[in-house]
Amino acid sequence: TAWAFATHGVQAPQLFGAIARASEQNIGSFTAQGLANTAWAFAVVGTTDRCELVKAISARAAEMGLPALSNEQRRQLHQFFLSVELEACLPTELPIGLRDA
């Protein structure tokens, strides 16, 4: 998983690019833990220039809603969103499910 590679400090842009593409395509099947771990991994390795992944993670988190996320998962997602150029990738307003933090 992306989390395992990031935890061990693996810097492999092609690998993370492939993981990002696969994540974008399968984001609907991600659990709260899987979503948070994947987002955190991309924040840690600095591979956050993939707007489609940012949009997919944002949409899935909004779909799940805050009650479905633990405090740790919220922190991981927050770290991810802080690490990207939000203006370039996300709508100017957060989805309703993520506004009530």
N, C-alpha and C. Protein backbone atom coordinates (compact mmCIF):
# COMPACT_ATOMS: atom_id res chain seq x y z
N THR A 1 0.83 -1.19 0.00
CA THR A 1 0.00 0.00 0.00
C THR A 1 0.87 1.25 0.00
N ALA A 2 0.26 2.37 -0.35
CA ALA A 2 0.98 3.64 -0.32
C ALA A 2 1.47 3.94 1.09
N TRP A 3 0.65 3.61 2.08
CA TRP A 3 1.01 3.87 3.47
C TRP A 3 2.31 3.17 3.85
N ALA A 4 2.45 1.92 3.47
CA ALA A 4 3.65 1.15 3.81
C ALA A 4 4.89 1.76 3.17
N PHE A 5 4.80 2.14 1.92
CA PHE A 5 5.95 2.74 1.24
C PHE A 5 6.30 4.09 1.87
N ALA A 6 5.29 4.90 2.19
CA ALA A 6 5.54 6.20 2.79
C ALA A 6 6.14 6.06 4.19
N THR A 7 5.65 5.10 4.95
CA THR A 7 6.16 4.87 6.30
C THR A 7 7.65 4.55 6.28
N HIS A 8 8.08 3.86 5.23
CA HIS A 8 9.49 3.47 5.11
C HIS A 8 10.31 4.48 4.30
N GLY A 9 9.70 5.60 3.96
CA GLY A 9 10.43 6.66 3.27
C GLY A 9 10.78 6.38 1.82
N VAL A 10 10.05 5.49 1.19
CA VAL A 10 10.32 5.16 -0.21
C VAL A 10 9.95 6.34 -1.09
N GLN A 11 10.89 6.80 -1.89
CA GLN A 11 10.65 7.87 -2.84
C GLN A 11 10.67 7.23 -4.24
N ALA A 12 9.52 6.98 -4.79
CA ALA A 12 9.41 6.31 -6.09
C ALA A 12 8.25 6.95 -6.86
N PRO A 13 8.50 8.04 -7.56
CA PRO A 13 7.43 8.76 -8.25
C PRO A 13 6.58 7.90 -9.18
N GLN A 14 7.21 6.99 -9.91
CA GLN A 14 6.43 6.14 -10.82
C GLN A 14 5.50 5.21 -10.04
N LEU A 15 5.98 4.67 -8.96
CA LEU A 15 5.17 3.79 -8.12
C LEU A 15 3.98 4.57 -7.56
N PHE A 16 4.24 5.73 -7.00
CA PHE A 16 3.16 6.51 -6.42
C PHE A 16 2.21 7.03 -7.49
N GLY A 17 2.71 7.27 -8.68
CA GLY A 17 1.83 7.64 -9.79
C GLY A 17 0.86 6.51 -10.13
N ALA A 18 1.38 5.28 -10.15
CA ALA A 18 0.53 4.12 -10.42
C ALA A 18 -0.48 3.91 -9.29
N ILE A 19 -0.04 4.08 -8.06
CA ILE A 19 -0.95 3.94 -6.92
C ILE A 19 -2.03 5.01 -6.98
N ALA A 20 -1.65 6.24 -7.35
CA ALA A 20 -2.63 7.32 -7.46
C ALA A 20 -3.68 7.01 -8.51
N ARG A 21 -3.25 6.53 -9.67
CA ARG A 21 -4.21 6.19 -10.73
C ARG A 21 -5.16 5.07 -10.29
N ALA A 22 -4.61 4.05 -9.66
CA ALA A 22 -5.45 2.95 -9.18
C ALA A 22 -6.41 3.43 -8.09
N SER A 23 -5.93 4.31 -7.22
CA SER A 23 -6.78 4.86 -6.16
C SER A 23 -7.92 5.68 -6.74
N GLU A 24 -7.61 6.50 -7.73
CA GLU A 24 -8.64 7.33 -8.37
C GLU A 24 -9.75 6.45 -8.93
N GLN A 25 -9.39 5.33 -9.54
CA GLN A 25 -10.36 4.45 -10.17
C GLN A 25 -11.17 3.64 -9.17
N ASN A 26 -10.60 3.38 -8.00
CA ASN A 26 -11.25 2.49 -7.03
C ASN A 26 -11.64 3.18 -5.73
N ILE A 27 -11.65 4.49 -5.72
CA ILE A 27 -11.86 5.25 -4.48
C ILE A 27 -13.19 4.90 -3.81
N GLY A 28 -14.19 4.52 -4.58
CA GLY A 28 -15.49 4.19 -4.01
C GLY A 28 -15.47 2.98 -3.09
N SER A 29 -14.45 2.16 -3.20
CA SER A 29 -14.36 0.97 -2.34
C SER A 29 -13.50 1.20 -1.11
N PHE A 30 -12.92 2.38 -0.97
CA PHE A 30 -12.04 2.66 0.15
C PHE A 30 -12.82 2.78 1.46
N THR A 31 -12.33 2.14 2.49
CA THR A 31 -12.87 2.33 3.83
C THR A 31 -12.32 3.66 4.36
N ALA A 32 -12.84 4.09 5.49
CA ALA A 32 -12.34 5.32 6.11
C ALA A 32 -10.85 5.19 6.40
N GLN A 33 -10.43 4.04 6.92
CA GLN A 33 -9.02 3.83 7.24
C GLN A 33 -8.17 3.82 5.97
N GLY A 34 -8.62 3.14 4.94
CA GLY A 34 -7.88 3.09 3.69
C GLY A 34 -7.75 4.47 3.05
N LEU A 35 -8.82 5.23 3.10
CA LEU A 35 -8.80 6.59 2.54
C LEU A 35 -7.81 7.46 3.30
N ALA A 36 -7.89 7.44 4.62
CA ALA A 36 -7.01 8.27 5.44
C ALA A 36 -5.55 7.86 5.27
N ASN A 37 -5.27 6.57 5.26
CA ASN A 37 -3.90 6.10 5.10
C ASN A 37 -3.32 6.49 3.74
N THR A 38 -4.14 6.36 2.70
CA THR A 38 -3.69 6.72 1.36
C THR A 38 -3.42 8.21 1.27
N ALA A 39 -4.33 9.02 1.79
CA ALA A 39 -4.15 10.47 1.77
C ALA A 39 -2.89 10.85 2.53
N TRP A 40 -2.71 10.28 3.72
CA TRP A 40 -1.53 10.58 4.53
C TRP A 40 -0.25 10.23 3.79
N ALA A 41 -0.24 9.07 3.13
CA ALA A 41 0.95 8.63 2.40
C ALA A 41 1.34 9.63 1.33
N PHE A 42 0.37 10.13 0.59
CA PHE A 42 0.67 11.09 -0.46
C PHE A 42 1.13 12.42 0.12
N ALA A 43 0.64 12.78 1.29
CA ALA A 43 1.11 14.01 1.94
C ALA A 43 2.57 13.84 2.37
N VAL A 44 2.91 12.67 2.91
CA VAL A 44 4.25 12.42 3.44
C VAL A 44 5.29 12.37 2.32
N VAL A 45 4.98 11.71 1.23
CA VAL A 45 5.98 11.57 0.16
C VAL A 45 6.03 12.80 -0.74
N GLY A 46 5.09 13.70 -0.57
CA GLY A 46 5.12 14.93 -1.36
C GLY A 46 4.62 14.76 -2.78
N THR A 47 3.93 13.69 -3.06
CA THR A 47 3.38 13.46 -4.38
C THR A 47 1.93 13.91 -4.37
N THR A 48 1.73 15.21 -4.30
CA THR A 48 0.37 15.72 -4.15
C THR A 48 -0.03 16.60 -5.33
N ASP A 49 0.63 16.42 -6.46
CA ASP A 49 0.31 17.25 -7.62
C ASP A 49 -0.72 16.59 -8.54
N ARG A 50 -1.42 15.63 -8.05
CA ARG A 50 -2.41 14.90 -8.84
C ARG A 50 -3.80 15.37 -8.46
N CYS A 51 -4.31 16.34 -9.21
CA CYS A 51 -5.62 16.92 -8.89
C CYS A 51 -6.73 15.89 -8.90
N GLU A 52 -6.67 14.92 -9.78
CA GLU A 52 -7.74 13.92 -9.83
C GLU A 52 -7.77 13.11 -8.54
N LEU A 53 -6.62 12.81 -7.99
CA LEU A 53 -6.58 12.09 -6.71
C LEU A 53 -7.13 12.97 -5.59
N VAL A 54 -6.77 14.24 -5.60
CA VAL A 54 -7.27 15.17 -4.59
C VAL A 54 -8.80 15.25 -4.66
N LYS A 55 -9.32 15.36 -5.86
CA LYS A 55 -10.78 15.43 -6.04
C LYS A 55 -11.44 14.14 -5.59
N ALA A 56 -10.83 13.00 -5.92
CA ALA A 56 -11.41 11.71 -5.55
C ALA A 56 -11.42 11.53 -4.03
N ILE A 57 -10.32 11.88 -3.38
CA ILE A 57 -10.25 11.76 -1.92
C ILE A 57 -11.25 12.69 -1.27
N SER A 58 -11.35 13.91 -1.78
CA SER A 58 -12.30 14.88 -1.24
C SER A 58 -13.73 14.37 -1.37
N ALA A 59 -14.07 13.86 -2.55
CA ALA A 59 -15.43 13.37 -2.78
C ALA A 59 -15.75 12.17 -1.89
N ARG A 60 -14.80 11.25 -1.75
CA ARG A 60 -15.05 10.06 -0.93
C ARG A 60 -15.19 10.44 0.54
N ALA A 61 -14.35 11.36 1.01
CA ALA A 61 -14.45 11.80 2.40
C ALA A 61 -15.79 12.48 2.65
N ALA A 62 -16.24 13.30 1.71
CA ALA A 62 -17.53 13.97 1.85
C ALA A 62 -18.67 12.96 1.84
N GLU A 63 -18.54 11.94 1.00
CA GLU A 63 -19.56 10.89 0.92
C GLU A 63 -19.66 10.13 2.24
N MET A 64 -18.51 9.86 2.85
CA MET A 64 -18.50 9.15 4.13
C MET A 64 -19.05 10.03 5.25
N GLY A 65 -18.69 11.30 5.22
CA GLY A 65 -19.12 12.23 6.26
C GLY A 65 -18.24 12.15 7.49
N LEU A 66 -18.19 13.21 8.23
CA LEU A 66 -17.33 13.28 9.41
C LEU A 66 -17.63 12.21 10.46
N PRO A 67 -18.89 11.85 10.71
CA PRO A 67 -19.13 10.83 11.74
C PRO A 67 -18.47 9.48 11.45
N ALA A 68 -18.22 9.20 10.18
CA ALA A 68 -17.61 7.92 9.82
C ALA A 68 -16.10 7.91 10.03
N LEU A 69 -15.51 9.08 10.27
CA LEU A 69 -14.06 9.20 10.39
C LEU A 69 -13.65 9.38 11.85
N SER A 70 -12.63 8.63 12.25
CA SER A 70 -12.10 8.81 13.59
C SER A 70 -11.29 10.11 13.63
N ASN A 71 -10.94 10.55 14.82
CA ASN A 71 -10.13 11.76 14.95
C ASN A 71 -8.79 11.60 14.23
N GLU A 72 -8.17 10.43 14.34
CA GLU A 72 -6.90 10.19 13.66
C GLU A 72 -7.07 10.25 12.14
N GLN A 73 -8.13 9.67 11.63
CA GLN A 73 -8.38 9.71 10.19
C GLN A 73 -8.62 11.14 9.72
N ARG A 74 -9.32 11.92 10.52
CA ARG A 74 -9.52 13.33 10.19
C ARG A 74 -8.19 14.07 10.15
N ARG A 75 -7.31 13.77 11.10
CA ARG A 75 -5.99 14.41 11.11
C ARG A 75 -5.19 14.04 9.86
N GLN A 76 -5.26 12.77 9.48
CA GLN A 76 -4.53 12.34 8.28
C GLN A 76 -5.07 13.06 7.04
N LEU A 77 -6.37 13.15 6.92
CA LEU A 77 -6.96 13.85 5.77
C LEU A 77 -6.61 15.34 5.81
N HIS A 78 -6.63 15.92 6.99
CA HIS A 78 -6.27 17.32 7.13
C HIS A 78 -4.84 17.56 6.68
N GLN A 79 -3.94 16.69 7.08
CA GLN A 79 -2.54 16.81 6.66
C GLN A 79 -2.44 16.73 5.14
N PHE A 80 -3.19 15.83 4.54
CA PHE A 80 -3.17 15.70 3.09
C PHE A 80 -3.64 16.99 2.42
N PHE A 81 -4.78 17.51 2.87
CA PHE A 81 -5.32 18.71 2.24
C PHE A 81 -4.42 19.91 2.44
N LEU A 82 -3.72 19.98 3.55
CA LEU A 82 -2.76 21.06 3.77
C LEU A 82 -1.56 20.97 2.83
N SER A 83 -1.28 19.77 2.37
CA SER A 83 -0.08 19.55 1.56
C SER A 83 -0.29 19.80 0.06
N VAL A 84 -1.50 20.07 -0.33
CA VAL A 84 -1.76 20.27 -1.76
C VAL A 84 -2.15 21.72 -2.05
N GLU A 85 -2.08 22.05 -3.29
CA GLU A 85 -2.54 23.35 -3.76
C GLU A 85 -4.05 23.29 -3.87
N LEU A 86 -4.75 23.61 -2.82
CA LEU A 86 -6.20 23.46 -2.81
C LEU A 86 -6.87 24.31 -3.88
N GLU A 87 -6.37 25.52 -4.08
CA GLU A 87 -7.01 26.40 -5.04
C GLU A 87 -7.04 25.81 -6.45
N ALA A 88 -6.02 25.05 -6.77
CA ALA A 88 -5.93 24.49 -8.11
C ALA A 88 -6.72 23.20 -8.28
N CYS A 89 -7.02 22.52 -7.17
CA CYS A 89 -7.59 21.19 -7.28
C CYS A 89 -9.01 21.05 -6.77
N LEU A 90 -9.42 21.87 -5.83
CA LEU A 90 -10.72 21.69 -5.21
C LEU A 90 -11.63 22.87 -5.49
N PRO A 91 -12.93 22.64 -5.37
CA PRO A 91 -13.84 23.77 -5.48
C PRO A 91 -13.52 24.79 -4.38
N THR A 92 -13.93 26.01 -4.57
CA THR A 92 -13.61 27.05 -3.59
C THR A 92 -14.30 26.79 -2.26
N GLU A 93 -15.32 26.00 -2.24
CA GLU A 93 -16.03 25.69 -1.01
C GLU A 93 -15.98 24.18 -0.77
N LEU A 94 -15.68 23.78 0.46
CA LEU A 94 -15.63 22.36 0.78
C LEU A 94 -17.01 21.73 0.63
N PRO A 95 -17.04 20.45 0.28
CA PRO A 95 -18.34 19.74 0.21
C PRO A 95 -19.05 19.79 1.56
N ILE A 96 -20.35 19.78 1.54
CA ILE A 96 -21.17 19.91 2.74
C ILE A 96 -20.73 18.93 3.83
N GLY A 97 -20.44 17.70 3.48
CA GLY A 97 -20.07 16.69 4.47
C GLY A 97 -18.77 16.99 5.20
N LEU A 98 -17.95 17.88 4.67
CA LEU A 98 -16.68 18.20 5.31
C LEU A 98 -16.67 19.58 5.96
N ARG A 99 -17.74 20.33 5.85
CA ARG A 99 -17.78 21.69 6.38
C ARG A 99 -18.02 21.74 7.87
N ASP A 100 -18.63 20.73 8.44
CA ASP A 100 -19.10 20.78 9.81
C ASP A 100 -18.07 20.28 10.81
N ALA A 101 -16.82 20.55 10.57
CA ALA A 101 -15.76 20.06 11.47
C ALA A 101 -15.63 20.95 12.69
